[in-house]
C-alpha atoms as a PDB file:
ATOM      1  CA  MET A   1      85.045 -93.243 -37.960  1.00  0.00           C
ATOM      2  CA  LEU A   2      83.096 -94.447 -34.975  1.00  0.00           C
ATOM      3  CA  ARG A   3      84.326 -91.492 -32.968  1.00  0.00           C
ATOM      4  CA  LEU A   4      83.066 -89.013 -35.599  1.00  0.00           C
ATOM      5  CA  ARG A   5      79.597 -90.563 -35.560  1.00  0.00           C
ATOM      6  CA  ASN A   6      79.413 -90.419 -31.796  1.00  0.00           C
ATOM      7  CA  SER A   7      80.513 -86.794 -31.669  1.00  0.00           C
ATOM      8  CA  ALA A   8      78.040 -85.838 -34.404  1.00  0.00           C
ATOM      9  CA  SER A   9      75.210 -87.550 -32.577  1.00  0.00           C
ATOM     10  CA  MET A  10      76.250 -85.885 -29.307  1.00  0.00           C
ATOM     11  CA  ILE A  11      76.193 -82.478 -31.019  1.00  0.00           C
ATOM     12  CA  ARG A  12      72.734 -83.221 -32.434  1.00  0.00           C
ATOM     13  CA  ARG A  13      71.464 -84.278 -28.992  1.00  0.00           C
ATOM     14  CA  LYS A  14      72.856 -81.104 -27.426  1.00  0.00           C
ATOM     15  CA  TRP A  15      71.202 -78.911 -30.056  1.00  0.00           C
ATOM     16  CA  ARG A  16      67.945 -80.816 -29.721  1.00  0.00           C
ATOM     17  CA  SER A  17      67.930 -80.416 -25.928  1.00  0.00           C
ATOM     18  CA  LEU A  18      68.853 -76.735 -26.293  1.00  0.00           C
ATOM     19  CA  ALA A  19      65.968 -76.254 -28.737  1.00  0.00           C
ATOM     20  CA  GLN A  20      63.595 -78.000 -26.333  1.00  0.00           C
ATOM     21  CA  VAL A  21      64.678 -75.751 -23.461  1.00  0.00           C
ATOM     22  CA  ALA A  22      64.242 -72.694 -25.685  1.00  0.00           C
ATOM     23  CA  LEU A  23      60.709 -73.820 -26.635  1.00  0.00           C
ATOM     24  CA  VAL A  24      59.778 -74.371 -22.996  1.00  0.00           C
ATOM     25  CA  CYS A  25      61.104 -70.913 -22.078  1.00  0.00           C
ATOM     26  CA  ALA A  26      59.228 -69.273 -24.955  1.00  0.00           C
ATOM     27  CA  GLY A  27      56.030 -71.094 -24.001  1.00  0.00           C
ATOM     28  CA  SER A  28      56.327 -70.025 -20.380  1.00  0.00           C
ATOM     29  CA  LEU A  29      56.870 -66.410 -21.444  1.00  0.00           C
ATOM     30  CA  LEU A  30      53.805 -66.528 -23.686  1.00  0.00           C
ATOM     31  CA  SER A  31      51.627 -68.025 -20.977  1.00  0.00           C
ATOM     32  CA  ALA A  32      52.922 -65.523 -18.403  1.00  0.00           C
ATOM     33  CA  SER A  33      52.083 -62.630 -20.713  1.00  0.00           C
ATOM     34  CA  CYS A  34      48.405 -63.564 -20.429  1.00  0.00           C
ATOM     35  CA  SER A  35      48.540 -63.409 -16.660  1.00  0.00           C
ATOM     36  CA  THR A  36      46.716 -60.763 -14.638  1.00  0.00           C
ATOM     37  CA  VAL A  37      49.741 -60.419 -12.379  1.00  0.00           C
ATOM     38  CA  LEU A  38      51.408 -58.281 -15.027  1.00  0.00           C
ATOM     39  CA  SER A  39      48.529 -55.810 -14.914  1.00  0.00           C
ATOM     40  CA  GLU A  40      49.168 -55.189 -11.198  1.00  0.00           C
ATOM     41  CA  MET A  41      52.866 -54.378 -11.650  1.00  0.00           C
ATOM     42  CA  PRO A  42      54.034 -50.768 -11.567  1.00  0.00           C
ATOM     43  CA  ALA A  43      54.069 -48.997 -14.930  1.00  0.00           C
ATOM     44  CA  GLN A  44      57.873 -48.700 -14.803  1.00  0.00           C
ATOM     45  CA  MET A  45      58.146 -52.491 -14.800  1.00  0.00           C
ATOM     46  CA  GLY A  46      55.738 -53.033 -17.686  1.00  0.00           C
ATOM     47  CA  GLY A  47      52.391 -52.895 -15.877  1.00  0.00           C
ATOM     48  CA  LEU A  48      49.348 -50.886 -16.876  1.00  0.00           C
ATOM     49  CA  PRO A  49      49.835 -47.096 -17.004  1.00  0.00           C
ATOM     50  CA  ALA A  50      48.224 -44.781 -14.459  1.00  0.00           C
ATOM     51  CA  GLY A  51      44.653 -43.777 -15.252  1.00  0.00           C
ATOM     52  CA  THR A  52      43.739 -47.092 -16.847  1.00  0.00           C
ATOM     53  CA  PRO A  53      40.115 -47.984 -16.026  1.00  0.00           C
ATOM     54  CA  GLN A  54      39.573 -50.871 -13.625  1.00  0.00           C
ATOM     55  CA  ARG A  55      38.360 -54.203 -14.927  1.00  0.00           C
ATOM     56  CA  PRO A  56      34.684 -54.896 -14.242  1.00  0.00           C
ATOM     57  CA  ASP A  57      33.966 -57.295 -11.370  1.00  0.00           C
ATOM     58  CA  VAL A  58      31.494 -59.268 -13.476  1.00  0.00           C
ATOM     59  CA  ALA A  59      32.212 -60.232 -17.068  1.00  0.00           C
ATOM     60  CA  PRO A  60      29.750 -58.761 -19.594  1.00  0.00           C
ATOM     61  CA  VAL A  61      27.012 -61.027 -20.906  1.00  0.00           C
ATOM     62  CA  TYR A  62      27.462 -62.416 -24.388  1.00  0.00           C
ATOM     63  CA  PRO A  63      24.913 -61.183 -26.936  1.00  0.00           C
ATOM     64  CA  ALA A  64      22.140 -63.558 -27.919  1.00  0.00           C
ATOM     65  CA  VAL A  65      23.376 -64.350 -31.410  1.00  0.00           C
ATOM     66  CA  HIS A  66      20.888 -67.144 -32.061  1.00  0.00           C
ATOM     67  CA  ASP A  67      17.780 -65.056 -31.373  1.00  0.00           C
ATOM     68  CA  MET A  68      15.921 -64.130 -34.526  1.00  0.00           C
ATOM     69  CA  PRO A  69      15.133 -60.442 -35.113  1.00  0.00           C
ATOM     70  CA  PRO A  70      11.485 -59.406 -35.123  1.00  0.00           C
ATOM     71  CA  PRO A  71       9.704 -59.364 -38.485  1.00  0.00           C
ATOM     72  CA  ARG A  72       9.983 -56.186 -40.530  1.00  0.00           C
ATOM     73  CA  SER A  73       7.256 -53.637 -40.132  1.00  0.00           C
ATOM     74  CA  ALA A  74       7.904 -51.928 -43.501  1.00  0.00           C
ATOM     75  CA  ALA A  75       7.002 -53.618 -46.755  1.00  0.00           C
ATOM     76  CA  VAL A  76       9.471 -54.182 -49.582  1.00  0.00           C
ATOM     77  CA  LEU A  77       9.431 -51.540 -52.348  1.00  0.00           C
ATOM     78  CA  THR A  78       7.313 -52.277 -55.353  1.00  0.00           C
ATOM     79  CA  GLU A  79       8.867 -52.257 -58.823  1.00  0.00           C
ATOM     80  CA  GLU A  80       7.492 -48.739 -59.509  1.00  0.00           C
ATOM     81  CA  GLU A  81       8.863 -47.345 -56.230  1.00  0.00           C
ATOM     82  CA  ARG A  82      12.263 -48.931 -56.864  1.00  0.00           C
ATOM     83  CA  LYS A  83      12.487 -47.414 -60.366  1.00  0.00           C
ATOM     84  CA  LYS A  84      11.431 -44.011 -58.980  1.00  0.00           C
ATOM     85  CA  VAL A  85      14.141 -44.125 -56.286  1.00  0.00           C
ATOM     86  CA  GLU A  86      16.773 -45.194 -58.825  1.00  0.00           C
ATOM     87  CA  ALA A  87      15.779 -42.328 -61.116  1.00  0.00           C
ATOM     88  CA  GLU A  88      16.026 -39.835 -58.235  1.00  0.00           C
ATOM     89  CA  LEU A  89      19.478 -41.134 -57.318  1.00  0.00           C
ATOM     90  CA  ALA A  90      20.649 -40.919 -60.931  1.00  0.00           C
ATOM     91  CA  ALA A  91      19.350 -37.336 -61.139  1.00  0.00           C
ATOM     92  CA  MET A  92      21.173 -36.391 -57.914  1.00  0.00           C
ATOM     93  CA  ARG A  93      24.424 -37.927 -59.195  1.00  0.00           C
ATOM     94  CA  ALA A  94      24.115 -36.040 -62.457  1.00  0.00           C
ATOM     95  CA  GLU A  95      23.435 -32.784 -60.578  1.00  0.00           C
ATOM     96  CA  GLN A  96      26.457 -33.313 -58.322  1.00  0.00           C
ATOM     97  CA  ALA A  97      28.680 -34.076 -61.311  1.00  0.00           C
ATOM     98  CA  ARG A  98      27.403 -30.923 -63.046  1.00  0.00           C
ATOM     99  CA  ARG A  99      28.143 -28.819 -59.936  1.00  0.00           C
ATOM    100  CA  ALA A 100      31.604 -30.357 -59.544  1.00  0.00           C
ATOM    101  CA  ASN A 101      32.460 -29.563 -63.183  1.00  0.00           C
ATOM    102  CA  ALA A 102      31.132 -26.013 -62.799  1.00  0.00           C
ATOM    103  CA  LYS A 103      33.335 -25.354 -59.728  1.00  0.00           C
ATOM    104  CA  LEU A 104      36.576 -26.575 -61.328  1.00  0.00           C
ATOM    105  CA  PRO A 105      38.960 -23.669 -62.064  1.00  0.00           C
ATOM    106  CA  GLU A 106      39.808 -23.342 -65.706  1.00  0.00           C
END
């Protein structure tokens, strides 16, 4: 009985160490895939294909996302103007639907 326990624990230790080695290998492959060395390899070995544009020497500047836009120069539509625009849009939709029904082959 003691022998079975020892062999089972040895098998578990071997699998655990094998899993750890596999995780280390996978991690090293993932970190190597982010490397710039791969971009300088020939295309036949998995590098960048011919005609690929060169990387810029200086990284582009990040946009200023916290800057507020300038105030609007146009005023908001009044209630009358909004109703007029909605009516025009409804009329255009109705006209387009009428034209689409007229063009359908019967």
